[in-house]
Amino acid sequence: MMMKEEEIKEHLMSSNPEFRRLVEEHKLYEGQLNELQSRHHMTERDHLEEIRLKKKKLHLKDQMNSMIQKFRRELSHQHT
């Protein structure tokens, strides 16, 4: 039986400290980005910070997706 992505994420959150750290860091950057974007006027420095935060979030997302894919491969090898 194939696990859904949400089930895999929940499993990794409870069993993998590195995955949990990535998720927490991603949430932190998301909060900073939301705060930045809620300003009425963004300075040039704010725009550069926005780009930096988006890149960091994307990098973390890539790492999390890589861990999810690895888990999926390991799971499928167990069932063959």
PDB file of N, CA and C in Angstrom:
ATOM      1  N   MET A   1       0.847  -1.197   0.000  1.00  0.00           N
ATOM      2  CA  MET A   1       0.000   0.000   0.000  1.00  0.00           C
ATOM      3  C   MET A   1       0.886   1.253   0.000  1.00  0.00           C
ATOM      4  N   MET A   2       0.526   2.193  -0.809  1.00  0.00           N
ATOM      5  CA  MET A   2       1.295   3.430  -0.951  1.00  0.00           C
ATOM      6  C   MET A   2       0.879   4.437   0.123  1.00  0.00           C
ATOM      7  N   MET A   3       1.870   5.016   0.790  1.00  0.00           N
ATOM      8  CA  MET A   3       1.576   6.056   1.783  1.00  0.00           C
ATOM      9  C   MET A   3       1.353   7.376   1.058  1.00  0.00           C
ATOM     10  N   LYS A   4       0.396   8.153   1.542  1.00  0.00           N
ATOM     11  CA  LYS A   4       0.171   9.481   0.984  1.00  0.00           C
ATOM     12  C   LYS A   4       1.284  10.413   1.451  1.00  0.00           C
ATOM     13  N   GLU A   5       1.490  11.491   0.693  1.00  0.00           N
ATOM     14  CA  GLU A   5       2.567  12.428   1.025  1.00  0.00           C
ATOM     15  C   GLU A   5       2.421  12.979   2.442  1.00  0.00           C
ATOM     16  N   GLU A   6       1.198  13.311   2.844  1.00  0.00           N
ATOM     17  CA  GLU A   6       0.987  13.849   4.195  1.00  0.00           C
ATOM     18  C   GLU A   6       1.370  12.814   5.254  1.00  0.00           C
ATOM     19  N   GLU A   7       1.059  11.541   4.993  1.00  0.00           N
ATOM     20  CA  GLU A   7       1.415  10.480   5.941  1.00  0.00           C
ATOM     21  C   GLU A   7       2.937  10.339   6.042  1.00  0.00           C
ATOM     22  N   ILE A   8       3.605  10.445   4.915  1.00  0.00           N
ATOM     23  CA  ILE A   8       5.069  10.368   4.903  1.00  0.00           C
ATOM     24  C   ILE A   8       5.655  11.533   5.697  1.00  0.00           C
ATOM     25  N   LYS A   9       5.128  12.737   5.460  1.00  0.00           N
ATOM     26  CA  LYS A   9       5.615  13.915   6.192  1.00  0.00           C
ATOM     27  C   LYS A   9       5.415  13.736   7.691  1.00  0.00           C
ATOM     28  N   GLU A  10       4.240  13.253   8.087  1.00  0.00           N
ATOM     29  CA  GLU A  10       3.963  13.036   9.511  1.00  0.00           C
ATOM     30  C   GLU A  10       4.931  12.012  10.098  1.00  0.00           C
ATOM     31  N   HIS A  11       5.172  10.935   9.352  1.00  0.00           N
ATOM     32  CA  HIS A  11       6.104   9.909   9.812  1.00  0.00           C
ATOM     33  C   HIS A  11       7.506  10.494   9.982  1.00  0.00           C
ATOM     34  N   LEU A  12       7.962  11.246   8.980  1.00  0.00           N
ATOM     35  CA  LEU A  12       9.296  11.840   9.041  1.00  0.00           C
ATOM     36  C   LEU A  12       9.396  12.879  10.161  1.00  0.00           C
ATOM     37  N   MET A  13       8.318  13.633  10.368  1.00  0.00           N
ATOM     38  CA  MET A  13       8.312  14.627  11.456  1.00  0.00           C
ATOM     39  C   MET A  13       8.509  13.938  12.808  1.00  0.00           C
ATOM     40  N   SER A  14       7.899  12.776  12.984  1.00  0.00           N
ATOM     41  CA  SER A  14       7.981  12.103  14.283  1.00  0.00           C
ATOM     42  C   SER A  14       9.242  11.253  14.424  1.00  0.00           C
ATOM     43  N   SER A  15       9.827  10.827  13.313  1.00  0.00           N
ATOM     44  CA  SER A  15      10.937   9.880  13.422  1.00  0.00           C
ATOM     45  C   SER A  15      12.298  10.427  12.983  1.00  0.00           C
ATOM     46  N   ASN A  16      12.302  11.584  12.318  1.00  0.00           N
ATOM     47  CA  ASN A  16      13.556  12.076  11.750  1.00  0.00           C
ATOM     48  C   ASN A  16      13.838  13.504  12.231  1.00  0.00           C
ATOM     49  N   PRO A  17      14.772  13.666  13.161  1.00  0.00           N
ATOM     50  CA  PRO A  17      15.078  15.010  13.695  1.00  0.00           C
ATOM     51  C   PRO A  17      15.541  15.997  12.614  1.00  0.00           C
ATOM     52  N   GLU A  18      16.254  15.517  11.622  1.00  0.00           N
ATOM     53  CA  GLU A  18      16.731  16.396  10.546  1.00  0.00           C
ATOM     54  C   GLU A  18      15.553  16.932   9.730  1.00  0.00           C
ATOM     55  N   PHE A  19      14.596  16.077   9.399  1.00  0.00           N
ATOM     56  CA  PHE A  19      13.406  16.508   8.662  1.00  0.00           C
ATOM     57  C   PHE A  19      12.630  17.527   9.490  1.00  0.00           C
ATOM     58  N   ARG A  20      12.487  17.234  10.784  1.00  0.00           N
ATOM     59  CA  ARG A  20      11.775  18.145  11.693  1.00  0.00           C
ATOM     60  C   ARG A  20      12.463  19.503  11.730  1.00  0.00           C
ATOM     61  N   ARG A  21      13.797  19.517  11.775  1.00  0.00           N
ATOM     62  CA  ARG A  21      14.552  20.776  11.780  1.00  0.00           C
ATOM     63  C   ARG A  21      14.299  21.558  10.492  1.00  0.00           C
ATOM     64  N   LEU A  22      14.291  20.863   9.359  1.00  0.00           N
ATOM     65  CA  LEU A  22      14.050  21.531   8.073  1.00  0.00           C
ATOM     66  C   LEU A  22      12.662  22.164   8.036  1.00  0.00           C
ATOM     67  N   VAL A  23      11.663  21.428   8.526  1.00  0.00           N
ATOM     68  CA  VAL A  23      10.285  21.947   8.545  1.00  0.00           C
ATOM     69  C   VAL A  23      10.191  23.180   9.443  1.00  0.00           C
ATOM     70  N   GLU A  24      10.809  23.121  10.619  1.00  0.00           N
ATOM     71  CA  GLU A  24      10.767  24.257  11.550  1.00  0.00           C
ATOM     72  C   GLU A  24      11.467  25.479  10.953  1.00  0.00           C
ATOM     73  N   GLU A  25      12.600  25.242  10.324  1.00  0.00           N
ATOM     74  CA  GLU A  25      13.333  26.344   9.698  1.00  0.00           C
ATOM     75  C   GLU A  25      12.512  26.955   8.556  1.00  0.00           C
ATOM     76  N   HIS A  26      11.846  26.099   7.784  1.00  0.00           N
ATOM     77  CA  HIS A  26      10.998  26.556   6.681  1.00  0.00           C
ATOM     78  C   HIS A  26       9.866  27.436   7.223  1.00  0.00           C
ATOM     79  N   LYS A  27       9.256  26.995   8.329  1.00  0.00           N
ATOM     80  CA  LYS A  27       8.177  27.784   8.959  1.00  0.00           C
ATOM     81  C   LYS A  27       8.698  29.133   9.441  1.00  0.00           C
ATOM     82  N   LEU A  28       9.899  29.140  10.007  1.00  0.00           N
ATOM     83  CA  LEU A  28      10.508  30.376  10.486  1.00  0.00           C
ATOM     84  C   LEU A  28      10.668  31.380   9.334  1.00  0.00           C
ATOM     85  N   TYR A  29      11.229  30.908   8.215  1.00  0.00           N
ATOM     86  CA  TYR A  29      11.418  31.785   7.051  1.00  0.00           C
ATOM     87  C   TYR A  29      10.074  32.227   6.475  1.00  0.00           C
ATOM     88  N   GLU A  30       9.096  31.345   6.501  1.00  0.00           N
ATOM     89  CA  GLU A  30       7.751  31.687   6.015  1.00  0.00           C
ATOM     90  C   GLU A  30       7.180  32.841   6.840  1.00  0.00           C
ATOM     91  N   GLY A  31       7.352  32.767   8.155  1.00  0.00           N
ATOM     92  CA  GLY A  31       6.864  33.828   9.035  1.00  0.00           C
ATOM     93  C   GLY A  31       7.571  35.150   8.775  1.00  0.00           C
ATOM     94  N   GLN A  32       8.887  35.080   8.603  1.00  0.00           N
ATOM     95  CA  GLN A  32       9.659  36.296   8.316  1.00  0.00           C
ATOM     96  C   GLN A  32       9.234  36.899   6.978  1.00  0.00           C
ATOM     97  N   LEU A  33       8.993  36.040   6.011  1.00  0.00           N
ATOM     98  CA  LEU A  33       8.578  36.497   4.681  1.00  0.00           C
ATOM     99  C   LEU A  33       7.192  37.144   4.744  1.00  0.00           C
ATOM    100  N   ASN A  34       6.279  36.528   5.482  1.00  0.00           N
ATOM    101  CA  ASN A  34       4.934  37.100   5.630  1.00  0.00           C
ATOM    102  C   ASN A  34       4.982  38.469   6.295  1.00  0.00           C
ATOM    103  N   GLU A  35       5.824  38.581   7.318  1.00  0.00           N
ATOM    104  CA  GLU A  35       5.952  39.865   8.011  1.00  0.00           C
ATOM    105  C   GLU A  35       6.500  40.934   7.063  1.00  0.00           C
ATOM    106  N   LEU A  36       7.496  40.555   6.310  1.00  0.00           N
ATOM    107  CA  LEU A  36       8.122  41.472   5.360  1.00  0.00           C
ATOM    108  C   LEU A  36       7.121  41.922   4.289  1.00  0.00           C
ATOM    109  N   GLN A  37       6.361  40.977   3.775  1.00  0.00           N
ATOM    110  CA  GLN A  37       5.415  41.280   2.698  1.00  0.00           C
ATOM    111  C   GLN A  37       4.188  42.039   3.181  1.00  0.00           C
ATOM    112  N   SER A  38       3.960  42.053   4.498  1.00  0.00           N
ATOM    113  CA  SER A  38       2.791  42.765   5.023  1.00  0.00           C
ATOM    114  C   SER A  38       3.059  44.261   5.203  1.00  0.00           C
ATOM    115  N   ARG A  39       4.289  44.671   5.005  1.00  0.00           N
ATOM    116  CA  ARG A  39       4.626  46.097   5.152  1.00  0.00           C
ATOM    117  C   ARG A  39       3.979  46.898   4.022  1.00  0.00           C
ATOM    118  N   HIS A  40       3.600  48.119   4.371  1.00  0.00           N
ATOM    119  CA  HIS A  40       2.981  48.986   3.361  1.00  0.00           C
ATOM    120  C   HIS A  40       3.983  49.438   2.317  1.00  0.00           C
ATOM    121  N   HIS A  41       5.197  49.643   2.765  1.00  0.00           N
ATOM    122  CA  HIS A  41       6.244  50.089   1.838  1.00  0.00           C
ATOM    123  C   HIS A  41       7.486  49.244   2.075  1.00  0.00           C
ATOM    124  N   MET A  42       7.965  48.614   0.992  1.00  0.00           N
ATOM    125  CA  MET A  42       9.175  47.811   1.114  1.00  0.00           C
ATOM    126  C   MET A  42      10.353  48.573   0.518  1.00  0.00           C
ATOM    127  N   THR A  43      11.423  48.649   1.279  1.00  0.00           N
ATOM    128  CA  THR A  43      12.638  49.306   0.797  1.00  0.00           C
ATOM    129  C   THR A  43      13.389  48.348  -0.136  1.00  0.00           C
ATOM    130  N   GLU A  44      14.444  48.862  -0.745  1.00  0.00           N
ATOM    131  CA  GLU A  44      15.283  48.010  -1.591  1.00  0.00           C
ATOM    132  C   GLU A  44      15.883  46.875  -0.762  1.00  0.00           C
ATOM    133  N   ARG A  45      16.286  47.200   0.464  1.00  0.00           N
ATOM    134  CA  ARG A  45      16.834  46.176   1.374  1.00  0.00           C
ATOM    135  C   ARG A  45      15.780  45.110   1.677  1.00  0.00           C
ATOM    136  N   ASP A  46      14.516  45.545   1.866  1.00  0.00           N
ATOM    137  CA  ASP A  46      13.417  44.592   2.109  1.00  0.00           C
ATOM    138  C   ASP A  46      13.245  43.648   0.926  1.00  0.00           C
ATOM    139  N   HIS A  47      13.326  44.193  -0.294  1.00  0.00           N
ATOM    140  CA  HIS A  47      13.183  43.362  -1.499  1.00  0.00           C
ATOM    141  C   HIS A  47      14.314  42.340  -1.588  1.00  0.00           C
ATOM    142  N   LEU A  48      15.518  42.759  -1.255  1.00  0.00           N
ATOM    143  CA  LEU A  48      16.654  41.828  -1.272  1.00  0.00           C
ATOM    144  C   LEU A  48      16.479  40.743  -0.201  1.00  0.00           C
ATOM    145  N   GLU A  49      15.982  41.134   0.952  1.00  0.00           N
ATOM    146  CA  GLU A  49      15.718  40.173   2.022  1.00  0.00           C
ATOM    147  C   GLU A  49      14.615  39.188   1.593  1.00  0.00           C
ATOM    148  N   GLU A  50      13.601  39.703   0.904  1.00  0.00           N
ATOM    149  CA  GLU A  50      12.525  38.848   0.400  1.00  0.00           C
ATOM    150  C   GLU A  50      13.088  37.778  -0.544  1.00  0.00           C
ATOM    151  N   ILE A  51      13.956  38.168  -1.437  1.00  0.00           N
ATOM    152  CA  ILE A  51      14.584  37.236  -2.382  1.00  0.00           C
ATOM    153  C   ILE A  51      15.418  36.202  -1.616  1.00  0.00           C
ATOM    154  N   ARG A  52      16.183  36.675  -0.631  1.00  0.00           N
ATOM    155  CA  ARG A  52      17.030  35.780   0.157  1.00  0.00           C
ATOM    156  C   ARG A  52      16.184  34.738   0.903  1.00  0.00           C
ATOM    157  N   LEU A  53      15.095  35.191   1.516  1.00  0.00           N
ATOM    158  CA  LEU A  53      14.225  34.283   2.261  1.00  0.00           C
ATOM    159  C   LEU A  53      13.566  33.260   1.331  1.00  0.00           C
ATOM    160  N   LYS A  54      13.130  33.707   0.164  1.00  0.00           N
ATOM    161  CA  LYS A  54      12.501  32.794  -0.795  1.00  0.00           C
ATOM    162  C   LYS A  54      13.491  31.723  -1.255  1.00  0.00           C
ATOM    163  N   LYS A  55      14.741  32.117  -1.480  1.00  0.00           N
ATOM    164  CA  LYS A  55      15.763  31.147  -1.888  1.00  0.00           C
ATOM    165  C   LYS A  55      16.036  30.139  -0.782  1.00  0.00           C
ATOM    166  N   LYS A  56      16.107  30.625   0.460  1.00  0.00           N
ATOM    167  CA  LYS A  56      16.350  29.723   1.594  1.00  0.00           C
ATOM    168  C   LYS A  56      15.185  28.742   1.749  1.00  0.00           C
ATOM    169  N   LYS A  57      13.954  29.259   1.633  1.00  0.00           N
ATOM    170  CA  LYS A  57      12.778  28.397   1.745  1.00  0.00           C
ATOM    171  C   LYS A  57      12.790  27.330   0.650  1.00  0.00           C
ATOM    172  N   LEU A  58      13.117  27.740  -0.562  1.00  0.00           N
ATOM    173  CA  LEU A  58      13.146  26.803  -1.688  1.00  0.00           C
ATOM    174  C   LEU A  58      14.203  25.722  -1.477  1.00  0.00           C
ATOM    175  N   HIS A  59      15.357  26.126  -0.973  1.00  0.00           N
ATOM    176  CA  HIS A  59      16.421  25.164  -0.702  1.00  0.00           C
ATOM    177  C   HIS A  59      15.965  24.147   0.355  1.00  0.00           C
ATOM    178  N   LEU A  60      15.318  24.618   1.405  1.00  0.00           N
ATOM    179  CA  LEU A  60      14.810  23.721   2.448  1.00  0.00           C
ATOM    180  C   LEU A  60      13.748  22.784   1.888  1.00  0.00           C
ATOM    181  N   LYS A  61      12.873  23.332   1.048  1.00  0.00           N
ATOM    182  CA  LYS A  61      11.814  22.525   0.424  1.00  0.00           C
ATOM    183  C   LYS A  61      12.423  21.424  -0.433  1.00  0.00           C
ATOM    184  N   ASP A  62      13.468  21.758  -1.181  1.00  0.00           N
ATOM    185  CA  ASP A  62      14.168  20.755  -1.989  1.00  0.00           C
ATOM    186  C   ASP A  62      14.742  19.644  -1.107  1.00  0.00           C
ATOM    187  N   GLN A  63      15.336  20.034   0.018  1.00  0.00           N
ATOM    188  CA  GLN A  63      15.909  19.048   0.936  1.00  0.00           C
ATOM    189  C   GLN A  63      14.819  18.138   1.516  1.00  0.00           C
ATOM    190  N   MET A  64      13.687  18.734   1.886  1.00  0.00           N
ATOM    191  CA  MET A  64      12.578  17.945   2.434  1.00  0.00           C
ATOM    192  C   MET A  64      12.033  16.990   1.374  1.00  0.00           C
ATOM    193  N   ASN A  65      11.864  17.487   0.151  1.00  0.00           N
ATOM    194  CA  ASN A  65      11.357  16.637  -0.928  1.00  0.00           C
ATOM    195  C   ASN A  65      12.315  15.493  -1.225  1.00  0.00           C
ATOM    196  N   SER A  66      13.586  15.768  -1.139  1.00  0.00           N
ATOM    197  CA  SER A  66      14.592  14.727  -1.348  1.00  0.00           C
ATOM    198  C   SER A  66      14.467  13.638  -0.275  1.00  0.00           C
ATOM    199  N   MET A  67      14.249  14.039   0.952  1.00  0.00           N
ATOM    200  CA  MET A  67      14.078  13.074   2.039  1.00  0.00           C
ATOM    201  C   MET A  67      12.791  12.270   1.872  1.00  0.00           C
ATOM    202  N   ILE A  68      11.736  12.921   1.399  1.00  0.00           N
ATOM    203  CA  ILE A  68      10.460  12.227   1.142  1.00  0.00           C
ATOM    204  C   ILE A  68      10.651  11.186   0.038  1.00  0.00           C
ATOM    205  N   GLN A  69      11.337  11.562  -1.030  1.00  0.00           N
ATOM    206  CA  GLN A  69      11.592  10.629  -2.138  1.00  0.00           C
ATOM    207  C   GLN A  69      12.437   9.445  -1.672  1.00  0.00           C
ATOM    208  N   LYS A  70      13.443   9.719  -0.865  1.00  0.00           N
ATOM    209  CA  LYS A  70      14.304   8.653  -0.331  1.00  0.00           C
ATOM    210  C   LYS A  70      13.475   7.690   0.509  1.00  0.00           C
ATOM    211  N   PHE A  71      12.603   8.228   1.343  1.00  0.00           N
ATOM    212  CA  PHE A  71      11.736   7.391   2.175  1.00  0.00           C
ATOM    213  C   PHE A  71      10.834   6.533   1.297  1.00  0.00           C
ATOM    214  N   ARG A  72      10.265   7.140   0.243  1.00  0.00           N
ATOM    215  CA  ARG A  72       9.399   6.397  -0.689  1.00  0.00           C
ATOM    216  C   ARG A  72      10.149   5.226  -1.339  1.00  0.00           C
ATOM    217  N   ARG A  73      11.396   5.500  -1.770  1.00  0.00           N
ATOM    218  CA  ARG A  73      12.204   4.435  -2.401  1.00  0.00           C
ATOM    219  C   ARG A  73      12.466   3.309  -1.407  1.00  0.00           C
ATOM    220  N   GLU A  74      12.828   3.678  -0.187  1.00  0.00           N
ATOM    221  CA  GLU A  74      13.099   2.666   0.834  1.00  0.00           C
ATOM    222  C   GLU A  74      11.848   1.844   1.131  1.00  0.00           C
ATOM    223  N   LEU A  75      10.712   2.512   1.184  1.00  0.00           N
ATOM    224  CA  LEU A  75       9.452   1.844   1.435  1.00  0.00           C
ATOM    225  C   LEU A  75       9.105   0.880   0.303  1.00  0.00           C
ATOM    226  N   SER A  76       9.298   1.301  -0.918  1.00  0.00           N
ATOM    227  CA  SER A  76       8.963   0.437  -2.064  1.00  0.00           C
ATOM    228  C   SER A  76       9.899  -0.764  -2.145  1.00  0.00           C
ATOM    229  N   HIS A  77      11.147  -0.603  -1.708  1.00  0.00           N
ATOM    230  CA  HIS A  77      12.086  -1.728  -1.722  1.00  0.00           C
ATOM    231  C   HIS A  77      11.738  -2.749  -0.640  1.00  0.00           C
ATOM    232  N   GLN A  78      11.123  -2.297   0.423  1.00  0.00           N
ATOM    233  CA  GLN A  78      10.718  -3.211   1.488  1.00  0.00           C
ATOM    234  C   GLN A  78       9.573  -4.121   1.041  1.00  0.00           C
ATOM    235  N   HIS A  79       8.774  -3.624   0.106  1.00  0.00           N
ATOM    236  CA  HIS A  79       7.584  -4.362  -0.330  1.00  0.00           C
ATOM    237  C   HIS A  79       7.815  -5.199  -1.579  1.00  0.00           C
ATOM    238  N   THR A  80       9.047  -5.223  -2.080  1.00  0.00           N
ATOM    239  CA  THR A  80       9.301  -6.011  -3.291  1.00  0.00           C
ATOM    240  C   THR A  80       9.912  -7.347  -2.945  1.00  0.00           C
TER     241      THR A  80
END
